[in-house]
N, C-alpha and C. Protein backbone atom coordinates (compact mmCIF):
# COMPACT_ATOMS: atom_id res chain seq x y z
N UNK A 1 -18.39 20.95 1.86
CA UNK A 1 -17.10 20.46 2.48
C UNK A 1 -16.38 19.93 1.16
N UNK A 2 -15.10 20.47 1.17
CA UNK A 2 -14.09 19.98 0.03
C UNK A 2 -13.57 18.56 0.35
N UNK A 3 -13.46 17.86 -0.80
CA UNK A 3 -12.73 16.45 -0.68
C UNK A 3 -11.30 16.62 -0.47
N UNK A 4 -10.94 15.60 0.21
CA UNK A 4 -9.45 15.64 0.47
C UNK A 4 -8.68 15.31 -0.65
N UNK A 5 -7.56 15.68 -0.91
CA UNK A 5 -6.64 15.44 -2.16
C UNK A 5 -6.01 14.23 -2.00
N UNK A 6 -5.84 13.62 -0.69
CA UNK A 6 -4.85 12.53 -0.46
C UNK A 6 -6.00 11.49 0.21
N UNK A 7 -5.53 10.29 0.00
CA UNK A 7 -6.35 9.08 0.69
C UNK A 7 -5.12 8.15 1.24
N UNK A 8 -5.73 7.44 2.22
CA UNK A 8 -4.87 6.51 2.89
C UNK A 8 -4.98 5.23 2.58
N UNK A 9 -3.98 4.41 2.21
CA UNK A 9 -4.08 3.08 1.68
C UNK A 9 -3.05 2.27 2.46
N UNK A 10 -3.35 0.79 2.38
CA UNK A 10 -2.71 -0.37 3.01
C UNK A 10 -1.70 -0.74 1.91
N UNK A 11 -0.57 -1.24 2.09
CA UNK A 11 0.26 -1.92 1.30
C UNK A 11 0.32 -3.29 1.57
N UNK A 12 -0.18 -4.33 0.76
CA UNK A 12 -0.22 -5.72 1.07
C UNK A 12 0.71 -6.53 0.30
N UNK A 13 1.40 -7.50 0.85
CA UNK A 13 2.48 -8.18 0.32
C UNK A 13 1.73 -9.16 -0.68
N UNK A 14 2.25 -9.28 -1.93
CA UNK A 14 1.79 -10.02 -2.91
C UNK A 14 1.90 -11.37 -2.84
N UNK A 15 2.90 -11.84 -1.98
CA UNK A 15 3.39 -13.27 -1.69
C UNK A 15 2.65 -13.75 -0.50
N UNK A 16 2.45 -12.97 0.70
CA UNK A 16 1.93 -13.60 1.95
C UNK A 16 0.58 -13.08 2.11
N UNK A 17 0.22 -12.02 1.50
CA UNK A 17 -1.04 -11.24 1.85
C UNK A 17 -1.20 -10.42 3.14
N UNK A 18 0.08 -10.33 3.91
CA UNK A 18 0.15 -9.60 4.93
C UNK A 18 0.11 -8.11 4.62
N UNK A 19 -0.64 -7.31 5.64
CA UNK A 19 -0.39 -5.79 5.52
C UNK A 19 0.69 -5.39 6.40
N UNK A 20 1.64 -4.78 5.81
CA UNK A 20 2.77 -4.42 6.44
C UNK A 20 3.16 -2.97 6.58
N UNK A 21 2.35 -2.15 5.65
CA UNK A 21 2.66 -0.67 5.62
C UNK A 21 1.51 0.08 5.53
N UNK A 22 1.28 1.29 5.91
CA UNK A 22 0.22 2.24 5.53
C UNK A 22 0.92 3.53 5.02
N UNK A 23 0.25 4.01 4.03
CA UNK A 23 0.69 5.19 3.31
C UNK A 23 -0.47 6.00 2.92
N UNK A 24 0.02 7.06 2.26
CA UNK A 24 -1.15 8.01 1.58
C UNK A 24 -0.65 8.32 0.30
N UNK A 25 -1.72 8.58 -0.83
CA UNK A 25 -1.39 8.86 -2.00
C UNK A 25 -2.53 9.75 -2.63
N UNK A 26 -2.08 10.46 -3.71
CA UNK A 26 -3.14 11.25 -4.42
C UNK A 26 -4.12 10.34 -4.91
N UNK A 27 -5.31 10.98 -4.86
CA UNK A 27 -6.60 10.33 -5.39
C UNK A 27 -6.49 10.30 -6.98
N UNK A 28 -5.92 11.26 -7.61
CA UNK A 28 -5.72 11.25 -9.15
C UNK A 28 -4.68 10.23 -9.72
N UNK A 29 -3.82 9.82 -8.88
CA UNK A 29 -2.90 8.98 -9.26
C UNK A 29 -3.00 7.50 -9.58
N UNK A 30 -2.30 6.63 -10.29
CA UNK A 30 -2.44 5.21 -10.38
C UNK A 30 -2.18 4.60 -9.11
N UNK A 31 -2.67 3.14 -9.14
CA UNK A 31 -2.49 2.28 -8.00
C UNK A 31 -0.95 2.23 -7.63
N UNK A 32 -0.69 2.09 -6.47
CA UNK A 32 0.87 2.02 -5.96
C UNK A 32 1.36 0.57 -6.02
N UNK A 33 2.39 0.27 -6.34
CA UNK A 33 3.06 -1.02 -6.48
C UNK A 33 4.43 -0.79 -6.22
N UNK A 34 5.11 -1.19 -5.13
CA UNK A 34 6.59 -0.97 -4.82
C UNK A 34 7.22 -2.22 -4.06
N UNK A 35 8.35 -2.29 -4.22
CA UNK A 35 9.19 -3.16 -3.68
C UNK A 35 9.36 -2.84 -2.09
N UNK A 36 8.87 -3.60 -1.09
CA UNK A 36 8.98 -3.21 0.27
C UNK A 36 9.52 -4.56 1.00
N UNK A 37 10.04 -4.39 2.14
CA UNK A 37 10.54 -5.41 3.04
C UNK A 37 9.41 -6.11 3.64
N UNK A 38 9.54 -7.46 3.71
CA UNK A 38 8.37 -8.38 4.28
C UNK A 38 9.07 -9.03 5.45
N UNK A 39 8.66 -8.77 6.52
CA UNK A 39 9.24 -9.40 7.93
C UNK A 39 9.03 -10.73 7.81
N UNK A 40 8.01 -11.22 7.41
CA UNK A 40 7.80 -12.90 7.47
C UNK A 40 8.64 -13.54 6.66
N UNK A 41 8.88 -13.13 5.31
CA UNK A 41 9.91 -13.66 4.49
C UNK A 41 11.28 -13.22 4.65
N UNK A 42 11.52 -12.19 5.25
CA UNK A 42 12.76 -11.60 5.53
C UNK A 42 13.66 -11.13 4.18
N UNK A 43 12.72 -10.64 3.30
CA UNK A 43 13.32 -9.95 1.99
C UNK A 43 12.28 -9.11 1.47
N UNK A 44 12.81 -8.53 0.41
CA UNK A 44 11.99 -7.57 -0.15
C UNK A 44 10.99 -8.13 -1.16
N UNK A 45 9.81 -7.77 -1.16
CA UNK A 45 8.63 -8.36 -2.15
C UNK A 45 7.96 -7.16 -2.66
N UNK A 46 7.03 -7.53 -3.60
CA UNK A 46 6.21 -6.76 -4.34
C UNK A 46 4.90 -6.41 -3.42
N UNK A 47 4.62 -5.14 -3.08
CA UNK A 47 3.61 -4.73 -2.23
C UNK A 47 2.66 -3.99 -3.09
N UNK A 48 1.31 -4.27 -3.06
CA UNK A 48 0.25 -3.56 -4.01
C UNK A 48 -0.70 -2.78 -2.88
N UNK A 49 -1.23 -1.70 -3.32
CA UNK A 49 -2.25 -0.96 -2.72
C UNK A 49 -3.53 -1.71 -2.38
N UNK A 50 -4.15 -1.39 -1.36
CA UNK A 50 -5.40 -1.86 -0.90
C UNK A 50 -6.11 -0.54 -0.14
N UNK A 51 -7.35 -0.23 -0.52
CA UNK A 51 -7.97 0.97 0.02
C UNK A 51 -8.53 0.50 1.50
N UNK A 52 -8.46 1.50 2.47
CA UNK A 52 -9.00 1.40 3.62
C UNK A 52 -10.39 1.56 3.62
N UNK A 53 -11.14 0.91 4.52
CA UNK A 53 -12.69 1.09 4.63
C UNK A 53 -13.04 2.15 5.66
């Protein structure tokens, strides 16, 4: 069976540690880091990728 080319990851806020978003990315690319809205802080913060288990 062939491996999937994309994987599902969680986006975790770097300031609060909350998991706010789920997305998919290419398995071959670098880890994702993007500015996303944090509902707890009510502003945009850096969110980093964390793999699903």
